[in-house]
Amino acid sequence: MYLLTFKVLRLFFTYILYFEIVAEERAMTKANTTFNLEIRDVELIENALNSVITKQSSTIINTAVNENTQPSSNSCPVTVKGQIDELRDLLGRLHNQKVWYRPKGEATYVGG
């Protein structure tokens, strides 16, 4: 499962990086700012990002265990913490762009 999600994540970032390189090479063209992704595509991307966050977090915990210290933000490697922060930020931006379904009507809606 982790290998599959890593491959999906790598493919996604390769795709984004490709568009950034193409946009820099062609000054006349604009970068694609809209993507046609299905719900399942977004779910796969989110799962891949969460898997990477989990792996990086376990690296921090294992490092702290090996050093017989409590895991803290001060003891983790800066690059790992930076990667986790970037991935969480990306997950937050994906979450904020979602359009949530809420049925219309007079009845009270209890979300779940």
Protein backbone atom coordinates (compact mmCIF):
# COMPACT_ATOMS: atom_id res chain seq x y z
CA MET A 1 0.00 0.00 0.00
CA TYR A 2 2.77 2.44 0.91
CA LEU A 3 4.64 1.75 -2.32
CA LEU A 4 1.49 2.38 -4.35
CA THR A 5 0.73 5.65 -2.56
CA PHE A 6 4.35 6.77 -2.91
CA LYS A 7 4.21 6.08 -6.65
CA VAL A 8 0.96 8.05 -6.95
CA LEU A 9 2.45 10.93 -4.99
CA ARG A 10 5.65 10.87 -7.07
CA LEU A 11 3.59 10.85 -10.27
CA PHE A 12 1.49 13.78 -9.03
CA PHE A 13 4.52 15.91 -8.12
CA THR A 14 6.31 14.95 -11.36
CA TYR A 15 3.24 16.13 -13.25
CA ILE A 16 3.21 19.45 -11.35
CA LEU A 17 6.97 19.91 -11.79
CA TYR A 18 6.65 19.23 -15.52
CA PHE A 19 4.09 22.01 -15.87
CA GLU A 20 6.32 24.42 -13.95
CA ILE A 21 9.29 23.65 -16.23
CA VAL A 22 7.18 23.94 -19.38
CA ALA A 23 5.73 27.24 -18.16
CA GLU A 24 9.23 28.65 -17.59
CA GLU A 25 10.44 27.55 -21.02
CA ARG A 26 7.46 28.98 -22.87
CA ALA A 27 6.94 32.56 -21.84
CA MET A 28 3.85 32.90 -24.03
CA THR A 29 1.89 30.06 -22.45
CA LYS A 30 0.26 30.10 -19.04
CA ALA A 31 0.39 27.35 -16.47
CA ASN A 32 -2.65 25.15 -16.11
CA THR A 33 -4.46 26.37 -12.99
CA THR A 34 -7.42 24.00 -13.26
CA PHE A 35 -7.19 20.24 -12.98
CA ASN A 36 -9.96 17.79 -13.79
CA LEU A 37 -9.62 15.30 -10.97
CA GLU A 38 -12.22 12.78 -9.90
CA ILE A 39 -13.11 12.31 -6.24
CA ARG A 40 -11.10 9.08 -6.19
CA ASP A 41 -8.05 10.91 -7.59
CA VAL A 42 -8.14 13.46 -4.79
CA GLU A 43 -8.63 10.66 -2.26
CA LEU A 44 -5.55 8.84 -3.60
CA ILE A 45 -3.48 12.02 -3.40
CA GLU A 46 -4.64 12.66 0.18
CA ASN A 47 -3.89 9.06 1.19
CA ALA A 48 -0.43 9.26 -0.37
CA LEU A 49 0.31 12.52 1.45
CA ASN A 50 -0.93 11.06 4.74
CA SER A 51 1.26 7.97 4.23
CA VAL A 52 4.35 10.12 3.71
CA ILE A 53 3.47 12.20 6.80
CA THR A 54 3.05 9.01 8.83
CA LYS A 55 6.40 7.64 7.65
CA GLN A 56 8.20 10.91 8.39
CA SER A 57 6.55 11.14 11.82
CA SER A 58 7.62 7.59 12.64
CA THR A 59 11.17 8.57 11.64
CA ILE A 60 11.06 11.36 14.23
CA ILE A 61 9.70 9.01 16.89
CA ASN A 62 12.25 6.28 16.12
CA THR A 63 15.09 8.80 16.27
CA ALA A 64 13.90 9.96 19.68
CA VAL A 65 13.56 6.37 20.93
CA ASN A 66 17.09 5.55 19.76
CA GLU A 67 18.42 8.60 21.60
CA ASN A 68 16.31 7.81 24.71
CA THR A 69 14.57 11.19 24.60
CA GLN A 70 11.00 12.37 24.23
CA PRO A 71 10.00 13.25 20.66
CA SER A 72 9.74 17.01 20.33
CA SER A 73 9.89 19.64 17.62
CA ASN A 74 13.35 20.66 18.82
CA SER A 75 14.87 17.19 18.53
CA CYS A 76 13.61 16.29 15.04
CA PRO A 77 15.67 16.99 11.94
CA VAL A 78 14.77 20.33 10.37
CA THR A 79 14.33 18.83 6.90
CA VAL A 80 11.89 16.18 8.13
CA LYS A 81 9.85 18.70 10.10
CA GLY A 82 9.85 21.05 7.11
CA GLN A 83 8.59 18.27 4.83
CA ILE A 84 5.83 17.36 7.26
CA ASP A 85 4.77 21.01 7.55
CA GLU A 86 4.69 21.40 3.75
CA LEU A 87 2.64 18.23 3.29
CA ARG A 88 0.16 19.23 6.00
CA ASP A 89 -0.16 22.65 4.39
CA LEU A 90 -0.86 21.00 1.03
CA LEU A 91 -3.48 18.74 2.61
CA GLY A 92 -5.10 21.80 4.18
CA ARG A 93 -5.22 23.62 0.84
CA LEU A 94 -6.79 20.56 -0.81
CA HIS A 95 -9.34 20.37 2.00
CA ASN A 96 -10.22 24.07 1.71
CA GLN A 97 -10.87 23.76 -2.04
CA LYS A 98 -13.46 21.01 -1.66
CA VAL A 99 -17.11 21.80 -2.25
CA TRP A 100 -19.14 20.16 0.49
CA TYR A 101 -22.60 18.73 -0.14
CA ARG A 102 -25.44 20.02 1.99
CA PRO A 103 -29.01 19.13 1.01
CA LYS A 104 -31.48 21.97 0.63
CA GLY A 105 -34.84 21.83 2.28
CA GLU A 106 -36.74 22.71 5.39
CA ALA A 107 -35.75 19.63 7.34
CA THR A 108 -32.93 19.87 9.82
CA TYR A 109 -29.75 18.36 8.44
CA VAL A 110 -27.51 16.44 10.81
CA GLY A 111 -24.09 16.00 9.21
CA GLY A 112 -22.04 12.93 9.77
